Every structure is written in structure tokens, then in C-alpha cells.
Amino acid sequence: MTRFKKQETLERIDSSGPVTGSRSEAGEKSADVKHICMNLLAVKTQLYESELLLKHSCMNLLAVKTQLYESE
């Protein structure tokens, strides 16, 4: 199996005919997709962290309620 560098792969795509656009356009689209994926990952990470904070808050609240119940 032969490995190609990104530029070589884009050249093959450009020379194959059905795909239109230059290598720079393909590179820009690839960069756009990477940025979208990175932003999505950042949002998912923030959501996960928010869920963890919510769980910790609920656990702390439960602990406080338990202490109040036991002290009565």
C-alpha cells in the first residue's frame, strides 16, 4: 500500500476530472471542515464538563441534605 502526501492526493483528485476546483480550494475546504470539527469537539467538551459540574453539585446537595437529616 502506497502512502501519498496530502498535496499528491489533491493533485490526483484535481487531475481525475470529475472534481472541480484547485488544490488551494480543496485545502481551504479541508481546513474549514477541520475548524468545524474542532469547534464541535470544543462544544461537546464544554457540555461534558457542564454535566460533570451538575452531577457534582447534585452530589454535594445530597450530602448536605443527608447531614441535615442525620443531625435532626
N, C-alpha and C. Protein backbone atom coordinates (compact mmCIF):
# COMPACT_ATOMS: atom_id res chain seq x y z
N MET A 1 0.85 -1.18 0.00
CA MET A 1 0.00 0.00 0.00
C MET A 1 0.89 1.24 0.00
N THR A 2 0.64 2.12 -0.93
CA THR A 2 1.45 3.32 -1.07
C THR A 2 0.79 4.46 -0.30
N ARG A 3 1.61 5.20 0.41
CA ARG A 3 1.10 6.37 1.12
C ARG A 3 1.42 7.61 0.30
N PHE A 4 0.46 8.50 0.23
CA PHE A 4 0.64 9.74 -0.50
C PHE A 4 0.62 10.90 0.47
N LYS A 5 1.38 11.91 0.14
CA LYS A 5 1.28 13.16 0.90
C LYS A 5 -0.01 13.84 0.48
N LYS A 6 -0.50 14.75 1.33
CA LYS A 6 -1.78 15.42 1.05
C LYS A 6 -1.76 16.12 -0.31
N GLN A 7 -0.67 16.79 -0.64
CA GLN A 7 -0.60 17.52 -1.90
C GLN A 7 -0.69 16.56 -3.08
N GLU A 8 0.01 15.42 -3.00
CA GLU A 8 -0.05 14.44 -4.08
C GLU A 8 -1.47 13.91 -4.25
N THR A 9 -2.14 13.67 -3.15
CA THR A 9 -3.52 13.18 -3.21
C THR A 9 -4.41 14.22 -3.87
N LEU A 10 -4.26 15.49 -3.49
CA LEU A 10 -5.06 16.55 -4.09
C LEU A 10 -4.77 16.69 -5.57
N GLU A 11 -3.50 16.51 -5.97
CA GLU A 11 -3.16 16.58 -7.38
C GLU A 11 -3.86 15.46 -8.14
N ARG A 12 -3.91 14.28 -7.55
CA ARG A 12 -4.60 13.17 -8.20
C ARG A 12 -6.09 13.47 -8.33
N ILE A 13 -6.67 14.05 -7.31
CA ILE A 13 -8.09 14.41 -7.37
C ILE A 13 -8.31 15.46 -8.45
N ASP A 14 -7.43 16.48 -8.50
CA ASP A 14 -7.57 17.54 -9.50
C ASP A 14 -7.43 16.98 -10.91
N SER A 15 -6.55 16.02 -11.11
CA SER A 15 -6.30 15.51 -12.45
C SER A 15 -7.29 14.43 -12.86
N SER A 16 -8.11 13.95 -11.93
CA SER A 16 -9.02 12.86 -12.26
C SER A 16 -10.23 13.34 -13.06
N GLY A 17 -10.53 14.62 -13.03
CA GLY A 17 -11.59 15.14 -13.88
C GLY A 17 -12.89 15.48 -13.20
N PRO A 18 -13.56 14.54 -12.53
CA PRO A 18 -14.89 14.86 -12.02
C PRO A 18 -14.91 15.90 -10.91
N VAL A 19 -13.85 16.04 -10.19
CA VAL A 19 -13.81 17.02 -9.11
C VAL A 19 -13.29 18.33 -9.68
N THR A 20 -14.05 19.41 -9.45
CA THR A 20 -13.61 20.71 -9.96
C THR A 20 -13.01 21.53 -8.83
N GLY A 21 -12.22 22.51 -9.19
CA GLY A 21 -11.60 23.38 -8.19
C GLY A 21 -10.12 23.12 -8.10
N SER A 22 -9.43 24.09 -7.53
CA SER A 22 -7.98 23.98 -7.41
C SER A 22 -7.59 23.31 -6.11
N ARG A 23 -6.32 23.00 -6.01
CA ARG A 23 -5.81 22.40 -4.76
C ARG A 23 -6.01 23.36 -3.59
N SER A 24 -5.84 24.67 -3.85
CA SER A 24 -6.00 25.62 -2.75
C SER A 24 -7.44 25.64 -2.26
N GLU A 25 -8.40 25.51 -3.18
CA GLU A 25 -9.81 25.45 -2.77
C GLU A 25 -10.07 24.19 -1.96
N ALA A 26 -9.51 23.08 -2.40
CA ALA A 26 -9.68 21.83 -1.66
C ALA A 26 -9.03 21.93 -0.29
N GLY A 27 -7.87 22.58 -0.23
CA GLY A 27 -7.20 22.78 1.05
C GLY A 27 -8.00 23.68 1.98
N GLU A 28 -8.62 24.72 1.40
CA GLU A 28 -9.45 25.62 2.20
C GLU A 28 -10.67 24.89 2.74
N LYS A 29 -11.29 24.05 1.90
CA LYS A 29 -12.45 23.28 2.36
C LYS A 29 -12.05 22.31 3.45
N SER A 30 -10.90 21.69 3.27
CA SER A 30 -10.40 20.76 4.28
C SER A 30 -10.15 21.49 5.60
N ALA A 31 -9.58 22.69 5.51
CA ALA A 31 -9.33 23.49 6.72
C ALA A 31 -10.64 23.90 7.37
N ASP A 32 -11.64 24.25 6.54
CA ASP A 32 -12.96 24.61 7.08
C ASP A 32 -13.57 23.43 7.83
N VAL A 33 -13.48 22.25 7.26
CA VAL A 33 -14.03 21.05 7.90
C VAL A 33 -13.30 20.79 9.22
N LYS A 34 -11.98 20.96 9.22
CA LYS A 34 -11.21 20.76 10.45
C LYS A 34 -11.65 21.75 11.53
N HIS A 35 -11.85 23.01 11.15
CA HIS A 35 -12.28 24.03 12.12
C HIS A 35 -13.67 23.71 12.66
N ILE A 36 -14.57 23.27 11.79
CA ILE A 36 -15.91 22.90 12.23
C ILE A 36 -15.83 21.74 13.21
N CYS A 37 -15.03 20.74 12.89
CA CYS A 37 -14.88 19.58 13.78
C CYS A 37 -14.26 19.98 15.12
N MET A 38 -13.27 20.85 15.07
CA MET A 38 -12.64 21.30 16.32
C MET A 38 -13.63 22.09 17.17
N ASN A 39 -14.45 22.94 16.53
CA ASN A 39 -15.46 23.70 17.27
C ASN A 39 -16.49 22.77 17.87
N LEU A 40 -16.91 21.76 17.12
CA LEU A 40 -17.87 20.79 17.62
C LEU A 40 -17.30 20.03 18.81
N LEU A 41 -16.04 19.64 18.71
CA LEU A 41 -15.39 18.95 19.82
C LEU A 41 -15.31 19.85 21.05
N ALA A 42 -15.02 21.13 20.84
CA ALA A 42 -14.96 22.07 21.97
C ALA A 42 -16.33 22.21 22.63
N VAL A 43 -17.39 22.27 21.83
CA VAL A 43 -18.74 22.37 22.39
C VAL A 43 -19.09 21.11 23.15
N LYS A 44 -18.76 19.94 22.58
CA LYS A 44 -19.03 18.67 23.27
C LYS A 44 -18.27 18.60 24.58
N THR A 45 -17.03 19.07 24.57
CA THR A 45 -16.22 19.07 25.79
C THR A 45 -16.85 19.97 26.85
N GLN A 46 -17.30 21.15 26.44
CA GLN A 46 -17.95 22.07 27.39
C GLN A 46 -19.23 21.46 27.94
N LEU A 47 -19.99 20.79 27.09
CA LEU A 47 -21.22 20.14 27.54
C LEU A 47 -20.91 19.04 28.55
N TYR A 48 -19.90 18.25 28.25
CA TYR A 48 -19.49 17.17 29.16
C TYR A 48 -19.05 17.75 30.51
N GLU A 49 -18.25 18.82 30.46
CA GLU A 49 -17.79 19.45 31.70
C GLU A 49 -18.97 20.04 32.48
N SER A 50 -19.94 20.62 31.77
CA SER A 50 -21.13 21.16 32.44
C SER A 50 -21.92 20.04 33.11
N GLU A 51 -22.05 18.91 32.43
CA GLU A 51 -22.76 17.77 33.01
C GLU A 51 -22.04 17.27 34.26
N LEU A 52 -20.71 17.24 34.21
CA LEU A 52 -19.95 16.81 35.39
C LEU A 52 -20.16 17.77 36.55
N LEU A 53 -20.12 19.08 36.26
CA LEU A 53 -20.35 20.08 37.31
C LEU A 53 -21.75 19.92 37.92
N LEU A 54 -22.73 19.67 37.06
CA LEU A 54 -24.10 19.48 37.54
C LEU A 54 -24.18 18.24 38.44
N LYS A 55 -23.53 17.16 38.03
CA LYS A 55 -23.52 15.94 38.85
C LYS A 55 -22.86 16.19 40.20
N HIS A 56 -21.74 16.89 40.19
CA HIS A 56 -21.05 17.20 41.45
C HIS A 56 -21.92 18.09 42.34
N SER A 57 -22.60 19.05 41.73
CA SER A 57 -23.48 19.93 42.51
C SER A 57 -24.61 19.12 43.14
N CYS A 58 -25.19 18.21 42.37
CA CYS A 58 -26.27 17.37 42.90
C CYS A 58 -25.76 16.47 44.02
N MET A 59 -24.57 15.93 43.85
CA MET A 59 -23.99 15.07 44.89
C MET A 59 -23.72 15.88 46.16
N ASN A 60 -23.20 17.10 46.00
CA ASN A 60 -22.95 17.95 47.16
C ASN A 60 -24.25 18.32 47.86
N LEU A 61 -25.28 18.63 47.08
CA LEU A 61 -26.58 18.95 47.66
C LEU A 61 -27.14 17.75 48.43
N LEU A 62 -27.01 16.57 47.85
CA LEU A 62 -27.47 15.36 48.52
C LEU A 62 -26.71 15.13 49.82
N ALA A 63 -25.40 15.39 49.81
CA ALA A 63 -24.59 15.23 51.02
C ALA A 63 -25.05 16.20 52.10
N VAL A 64 -25.33 17.44 51.72
CA VAL A 64 -25.80 18.44 52.69
C VAL A 64 -27.15 18.03 53.25
N LYS A 65 -28.05 17.58 52.38
CA LYS A 65 -29.37 17.14 52.84
C LYS A 65 -29.25 15.95 53.79
N THR A 66 -28.33 15.04 53.47
CA THR A 66 -28.11 13.87 54.33
C THR A 66 -27.61 14.31 55.70
N GLN A 67 -26.67 15.26 55.72
CA GLN A 67 -26.16 15.76 57.00
C GLN A 67 -27.26 16.44 57.81
N LEU A 68 -28.10 17.21 57.14
CA LEU A 68 -29.22 17.86 57.83
C LEU A 68 -30.18 16.82 58.40
N TYR A 69 -30.47 15.81 57.61
CA TYR A 69 -31.38 14.76 58.05
C TYR A 69 -30.81 14.01 59.25
N GLU A 70 -29.50 13.71 59.19
CA GLU A 70 -28.87 12.97 60.28
C GLU A 70 -28.74 13.81 61.55
N SER A 71 -28.64 15.12 61.40
CA SER A 71 -28.47 15.98 62.57
C SER A 71 -29.80 16.26 63.29
N GLU A 72 -30.92 15.98 62.64
CA GLU A 72 -32.22 16.24 63.28
C GLU A 72 -32.60 15.18 64.26
